[in-house]
N, C-alpha and C. Protein backbone atom coordinates (compact mmCIF):
# COMPACT_ATOMS: atom_id res chain seq x y z
N UNK A 1 51.28 87.08 11.94
CA UNK A 1 50.46 86.40 10.95
C UNK A 1 49.28 85.76 11.66
N UNK A 2 48.10 86.10 11.24
CA UNK A 2 46.89 85.52 11.83
C UNK A 2 46.53 84.25 11.09
N UNK A 3 46.10 83.28 11.87
CA UNK A 3 45.70 82.00 11.30
C UNK A 3 44.23 81.79 11.61
N UNK A 4 43.46 81.48 10.60
CA UNK A 4 42.05 81.21 10.82
C UNK A 4 41.92 79.95 11.66
N UNK A 5 40.97 79.91 12.60
CA UNK A 5 40.88 78.76 13.50
C UNK A 5 40.60 77.43 12.81
N UNK A 6 39.91 77.45 11.70
CA UNK A 6 39.58 76.19 11.03
C UNK A 6 40.58 75.81 9.94
N UNK A 7 41.62 76.61 9.76
CA UNK A 7 42.63 76.31 8.74
C UNK A 7 43.99 76.21 9.39
N UNK A 8 44.70 75.13 9.16
CA UNK A 8 46.04 75.02 9.73
C UNK A 8 47.01 75.98 9.05
N UNK A 9 48.05 76.38 9.77
CA UNK A 9 49.04 77.29 9.22
C UNK A 9 49.79 76.63 8.08
N UNK A 10 50.05 75.34 8.19
CA UNK A 10 50.75 74.60 7.13
C UNK A 10 50.03 73.28 6.88
N UNK A 11 49.99 72.91 5.65
CA UNK A 11 49.47 71.58 5.33
C UNK A 11 50.58 70.58 5.55
N UNK A 12 50.21 69.39 5.88
CA UNK A 12 51.24 68.38 6.14
C UNK A 12 51.82 67.85 4.84
N UNK A 13 53.08 67.49 4.92
CA UNK A 13 53.78 66.97 3.74
C UNK A 13 53.08 65.71 3.24
N UNK A 14 53.09 65.53 1.95
CA UNK A 14 52.41 64.40 1.35
C UNK A 14 53.23 63.13 1.41
N UNK A 15 52.52 62.02 1.34
CA UNK A 15 53.20 60.73 1.29
C UNK A 15 52.35 59.74 0.50
N UNK A 16 53.02 58.73 0.02
CA UNK A 16 52.37 57.64 -0.70
C UNK A 16 52.90 56.35 -0.10
N UNK A 17 51.99 55.50 0.37
CA UNK A 17 52.39 54.22 0.96
C UNK A 17 51.72 53.09 0.20
N UNK A 18 52.46 52.02 0.02
CA UNK A 18 51.88 50.80 -0.55
C UNK A 18 51.42 49.97 0.65
N UNK A 19 50.12 49.81 0.79
CA UNK A 19 49.59 49.09 1.95
C UNK A 19 49.25 47.64 1.62
N UNK A 20 49.13 47.36 0.34
CA UNK A 20 48.83 45.99 -0.09
C UNK A 20 49.40 45.80 -1.47
N UNK A 21 50.07 44.70 -1.69
CA UNK A 21 50.60 44.40 -3.02
C UNK A 21 50.88 42.92 -3.13
N UNK A 22 50.15 42.28 -4.02
CA UNK A 22 50.46 40.89 -4.36
C UNK A 22 50.62 40.84 -5.87
N UNK A 23 50.65 39.72 -6.44
CA UNK A 23 50.89 39.63 -7.88
C UNK A 23 49.79 40.19 -8.75
N UNK A 24 48.60 40.42 -8.17
CA UNK A 24 47.47 40.83 -9.01
C UNK A 24 46.81 42.13 -8.57
N UNK A 25 46.98 42.50 -7.31
CA UNK A 25 46.25 43.63 -6.73
C UNK A 25 47.18 44.49 -5.90
N UNK A 26 47.00 45.80 -5.97
CA UNK A 26 47.81 46.71 -5.16
C UNK A 26 46.94 47.87 -4.67
N UNK A 27 47.21 48.30 -3.46
CA UNK A 27 46.52 49.46 -2.89
C UNK A 27 47.58 50.45 -2.44
N UNK A 28 47.48 51.68 -2.94
CA UNK A 28 48.37 52.76 -2.53
C UNK A 28 47.54 53.81 -1.82
N UNK A 29 48.04 54.29 -0.68
CA UNK A 29 47.33 55.28 0.11
C UNK A 29 48.11 56.60 0.03
N UNK A 30 47.41 57.64 -0.39
CA UNK A 30 47.98 58.98 -0.54
C UNK A 30 47.49 59.85 0.61
N UNK A 31 48.37 60.71 1.14
CA UNK A 31 47.95 61.59 2.23
C UNK A 31 48.70 62.91 2.18
N UNK A 32 48.16 63.90 2.87
CA UNK A 32 48.80 65.20 2.97
C UNK A 32 48.71 66.01 1.70
N UNK A 33 49.77 66.72 1.40
CA UNK A 33 49.85 67.57 0.22
C UNK A 33 51.01 67.09 -0.65
N UNK A 34 50.71 66.70 -1.87
CA UNK A 34 51.76 66.28 -2.80
C UNK A 34 52.10 67.47 -3.69
N UNK A 35 53.22 68.11 -3.36
CA UNK A 35 53.68 69.24 -4.16
C UNK A 35 54.95 68.84 -4.89
N UNK A 36 55.59 69.78 -5.54
CA UNK A 36 56.77 69.47 -6.35
C UNK A 36 57.88 68.82 -5.52
N UNK A 37 57.95 69.12 -4.24
CA UNK A 37 58.97 68.51 -3.38
C UNK A 37 58.72 67.02 -3.18
N UNK A 38 57.47 66.59 -3.31
CA UNK A 38 57.11 65.19 -3.12
C UNK A 38 57.25 64.35 -4.39
N UNK A 39 57.49 65.01 -5.52
CA UNK A 39 57.55 64.30 -6.81
C UNK A 39 58.58 63.17 -6.85
N UNK A 40 59.81 63.36 -6.38
CA UNK A 40 60.77 62.25 -6.43
C UNK A 40 60.31 61.02 -5.63
N UNK A 41 59.75 61.26 -4.43
CA UNK A 41 59.24 60.14 -3.62
C UNK A 41 58.08 59.45 -4.32
N UNK A 42 57.18 60.25 -4.91
CA UNK A 42 56.04 59.69 -5.62
C UNK A 42 56.49 58.81 -6.77
N UNK A 43 57.41 59.31 -7.59
CA UNK A 43 57.88 58.53 -8.73
C UNK A 43 58.60 57.26 -8.28
N UNK A 44 59.39 57.36 -7.21
CA UNK A 44 60.08 56.19 -6.69
C UNK A 44 59.10 55.14 -6.20
N UNK A 45 58.06 55.58 -5.48
CA UNK A 45 57.07 54.64 -4.96
C UNK A 45 56.30 53.98 -6.09
N UNK A 46 56.00 54.73 -7.14
CA UNK A 46 55.23 54.19 -8.26
C UNK A 46 56.03 53.22 -9.10
N UNK A 47 57.35 53.24 -8.97
CA UNK A 47 58.22 52.30 -9.69
C UNK A 47 58.59 51.09 -8.83
N UNK A 48 58.00 50.97 -7.66
CA UNK A 48 58.28 49.86 -6.76
C UNK A 48 58.03 48.53 -7.48
N UNK A 49 58.96 47.58 -7.40
CA UNK A 49 58.82 46.30 -8.10
C UNK A 49 57.56 45.53 -7.71
N UNK A 50 57.03 45.75 -6.51
CA UNK A 50 55.81 45.04 -6.09
C UNK A 50 54.60 45.44 -6.93
N UNK A 51 54.68 46.57 -7.59
CA UNK A 51 53.56 47.04 -8.41
C UNK A 51 53.64 46.58 -9.86
N UNK A 52 54.77 46.05 -10.22
CA UNK A 52 55.03 45.73 -11.63
C UNK A 52 53.97 44.84 -12.26
N UNK A 53 53.50 43.82 -11.56
CA UNK A 53 52.56 42.87 -12.16
C UNK A 53 51.15 42.99 -11.60
N UNK A 54 50.90 44.03 -10.82
CA UNK A 54 49.55 44.22 -10.27
C UNK A 54 48.63 44.71 -11.37
N UNK A 55 47.70 43.88 -11.77
CA UNK A 55 46.77 44.24 -12.84
C UNK A 55 45.64 45.12 -12.37
N UNK A 56 45.46 45.22 -11.06
CA UNK A 56 44.41 46.03 -10.48
C UNK A 56 45.04 46.91 -9.41
N UNK A 57 45.00 48.23 -9.60
CA UNK A 57 45.61 49.16 -8.64
C UNK A 57 44.56 50.13 -8.13
N UNK A 58 44.44 50.20 -6.82
CA UNK A 58 43.54 51.16 -6.19
C UNK A 58 44.38 52.26 -5.59
N UNK A 59 44.08 53.49 -5.94
CA UNK A 59 44.76 54.66 -5.41
C UNK A 59 43.80 55.32 -4.42
N UNK A 60 43.99 55.04 -3.14
CA UNK A 60 43.12 55.59 -2.10
C UNK A 60 43.60 57.00 -1.78
N UNK A 61 42.83 57.99 -2.21
CA UNK A 61 43.23 59.39 -2.04
C UNK A 61 42.35 60.11 -1.02
N UNK A 62 41.68 59.36 -0.17
CA UNK A 62 40.78 59.98 0.81
C UNK A 62 41.53 60.87 1.80
N UNK A 63 42.81 60.62 2.03
CA UNK A 63 43.59 61.43 2.95
C UNK A 63 44.43 62.49 2.25
N UNK A 64 44.28 62.62 0.94
CA UNK A 64 45.07 63.58 0.17
C UNK A 64 44.36 64.93 0.17
N UNK A 65 45.02 65.94 0.71
CA UNK A 65 44.44 67.28 0.79
C UNK A 65 44.54 68.01 -0.54
N UNK A 66 45.70 67.87 -1.20
CA UNK A 66 45.93 68.59 -2.46
C UNK A 66 47.05 67.90 -3.22
N UNK A 67 46.98 67.97 -4.55
CA UNK A 67 48.05 67.45 -5.39
C UNK A 67 48.36 68.50 -6.44
N UNK A 68 49.64 68.81 -6.60
CA UNK A 68 50.04 69.76 -7.63
C UNK A 68 50.08 69.06 -8.98
N UNK A 69 49.96 69.85 -10.02
CA UNK A 69 49.90 69.32 -11.37
C UNK A 69 51.13 68.49 -11.73
N UNK A 70 52.30 68.87 -11.27
CA UNK A 70 53.52 68.10 -11.56
C UNK A 70 53.40 66.67 -11.04
N UNK A 71 52.83 66.50 -9.85
CA UNK A 71 52.66 65.16 -9.30
C UNK A 71 51.57 64.39 -10.03
N UNK A 72 50.53 65.09 -10.46
CA UNK A 72 49.47 64.44 -11.24
C UNK A 72 50.04 63.92 -12.56
N UNK A 73 50.89 64.71 -13.21
CA UNK A 73 51.53 64.25 -14.44
C UNK A 73 52.48 63.09 -14.15
N UNK A 74 53.18 63.14 -13.04
CA UNK A 74 54.06 62.03 -12.64
C UNK A 74 53.28 60.75 -12.45
N UNK A 75 52.11 60.86 -11.85
CA UNK A 75 51.24 59.70 -11.65
C UNK A 75 50.76 59.16 -13.00
N UNK A 76 50.33 60.05 -13.87
CA UNK A 76 49.89 59.64 -15.21
C UNK A 76 51.02 58.95 -15.96
N UNK A 77 52.20 59.52 -15.91
CA UNK A 77 53.37 58.95 -16.59
C UNK A 77 53.65 57.54 -16.07
N UNK A 78 53.58 57.36 -14.76
CA UNK A 78 53.88 56.05 -14.17
C UNK A 78 52.88 54.98 -14.60
N UNK A 79 51.61 55.33 -14.67
CA UNK A 79 50.63 54.31 -15.03
C UNK A 79 50.58 54.04 -16.52
N UNK A 80 51.01 54.99 -17.34
CA UNK A 80 50.94 54.77 -18.78
C UNK A 80 52.20 54.12 -19.35
N UNK A 81 53.31 54.18 -18.64
CA UNK A 81 54.53 53.54 -19.14
C UNK A 81 54.80 52.20 -18.47
N UNK A 82 53.87 51.76 -17.63
CA UNK A 82 54.04 50.46 -16.97
C UNK A 82 54.10 49.37 -18.02
N UNK A 83 54.93 48.33 -17.78
CA UNK A 83 55.09 47.26 -18.77
C UNK A 83 53.80 46.49 -19.04
N UNK A 84 52.94 46.41 -18.03
CA UNK A 84 51.66 45.71 -18.21
C UNK A 84 50.54 46.69 -17.89
N UNK A 85 49.48 46.65 -18.70
CA UNK A 85 48.35 47.53 -18.45
C UNK A 85 47.67 47.13 -17.15
N UNK A 86 47.24 48.12 -16.39
CA UNK A 86 46.58 47.87 -15.12
C UNK A 86 45.27 48.64 -15.09
N UNK A 87 44.29 48.07 -14.39
CA UNK A 87 43.04 48.78 -14.14
C UNK A 87 43.28 49.69 -12.94
N UNK A 88 43.15 50.99 -13.15
CA UNK A 88 43.44 51.98 -12.11
C UNK A 88 42.13 52.54 -11.58
N UNK A 89 41.96 52.52 -10.26
CA UNK A 89 40.79 53.10 -9.62
C UNK A 89 41.25 54.14 -8.61
N UNK A 90 40.78 55.36 -8.77
CA UNK A 90 41.05 56.43 -7.82
C UNK A 90 39.86 56.49 -6.89
N UNK A 91 40.11 56.30 -5.61
CA UNK A 91 39.02 56.20 -4.64
C UNK A 91 39.12 57.32 -3.59
N UNK A 92 37.99 57.98 -3.33
CA UNK A 92 37.87 58.91 -2.23
C UNK A 92 38.56 60.25 -2.39
N UNK A 93 38.89 60.65 -3.60
CA UNK A 93 39.60 61.91 -3.81
C UNK A 93 38.66 63.10 -3.63
N UNK A 94 39.19 64.16 -3.04
CA UNK A 94 38.44 65.41 -2.88
C UNK A 94 38.24 66.06 -4.25
N UNK A 95 37.29 66.95 -4.30
CA UNK A 95 36.93 67.59 -5.57
C UNK A 95 38.12 68.29 -6.24
N UNK A 96 38.92 69.02 -5.48
CA UNK A 96 40.08 69.71 -6.04
C UNK A 96 41.13 68.75 -6.56
N UNK A 97 41.30 67.64 -5.87
CA UNK A 97 42.26 66.61 -6.30
C UNK A 97 41.78 65.99 -7.61
N UNK A 98 40.49 65.66 -7.67
CA UNK A 98 39.92 65.08 -8.90
C UNK A 98 40.10 66.05 -10.07
N UNK A 99 39.86 67.32 -9.82
CA UNK A 99 39.99 68.33 -10.87
C UNK A 99 41.42 68.37 -11.41
N UNK A 100 42.41 68.32 -10.52
CA UNK A 100 43.81 68.35 -10.95
C UNK A 100 44.17 67.07 -11.71
N UNK A 101 43.71 65.92 -11.23
CA UNK A 101 44.00 64.65 -11.91
C UNK A 101 43.37 64.63 -13.30
N UNK A 102 42.17 65.14 -13.42
CA UNK A 102 41.51 65.19 -14.73
C UNK A 102 42.21 66.18 -15.66
N UNK A 103 42.67 67.27 -15.09
CA UNK A 103 43.40 68.26 -15.90
C UNK A 103 44.67 67.63 -16.48
N UNK A 104 45.29 66.74 -15.72
CA UNK A 104 46.50 66.05 -16.19
C UNK A 104 46.18 64.93 -17.18
N UNK A 105 44.91 64.53 -17.26
CA UNK A 105 44.52 63.48 -18.21
C UNK A 105 44.38 62.10 -17.60
N UNK A 106 44.42 62.00 -16.27
CA UNK A 106 44.34 60.69 -15.64
C UNK A 106 42.98 60.02 -15.86
N UNK A 107 41.95 60.81 -16.12
CA UNK A 107 40.63 60.23 -16.35
C UNK A 107 40.57 59.38 -17.62
N UNK A 108 41.56 59.50 -18.49
CA UNK A 108 41.62 58.68 -19.69
C UNK A 108 42.04 57.24 -19.39
N UNK A 109 42.72 57.04 -18.25
CA UNK A 109 43.24 55.71 -17.93
C UNK A 109 42.76 55.18 -16.58
N UNK A 110 41.95 55.97 -15.86
CA UNK A 110 41.52 55.57 -14.52
C UNK A 110 40.02 55.77 -14.34
N UNK A 111 39.48 55.02 -13.40
CA UNK A 111 38.09 55.17 -13.00
C UNK A 111 38.08 55.91 -11.66
N UNK A 112 37.17 56.84 -11.50
CA UNK A 112 37.08 57.61 -10.26
C UNK A 112 35.87 57.16 -9.46
N UNK A 113 36.09 56.87 -8.18
CA UNK A 113 35.01 56.51 -7.26
C UNK A 113 35.01 57.50 -6.10
N UNK A 114 33.82 57.83 -5.63
CA UNK A 114 33.71 58.77 -4.49
C UNK A 114 34.13 58.12 -3.20
């Protein structure tokens, strides 16, 4: 199997980390590739009690290479069923990631920043 020099043979597994969370503000950092295998971890992280009362959530996706539609729907589900409405900002997402998030309908509840 030949591998192009500028493309890795495998994309790295995706992850979601909560890097900041207080009672009003939360920052989540997404990285790698979020595929169907990452969905349980994503949903678990999005249900973290530290996020429950954060009225302002920043989703830093600058390190996210790709997100599958199942994970985009999981993200949408998590932000729309939260007990308290939150202002959601998606920051630094690549064009393909933004396209998938919009296809899932996240643009109805989130603001996108470059």
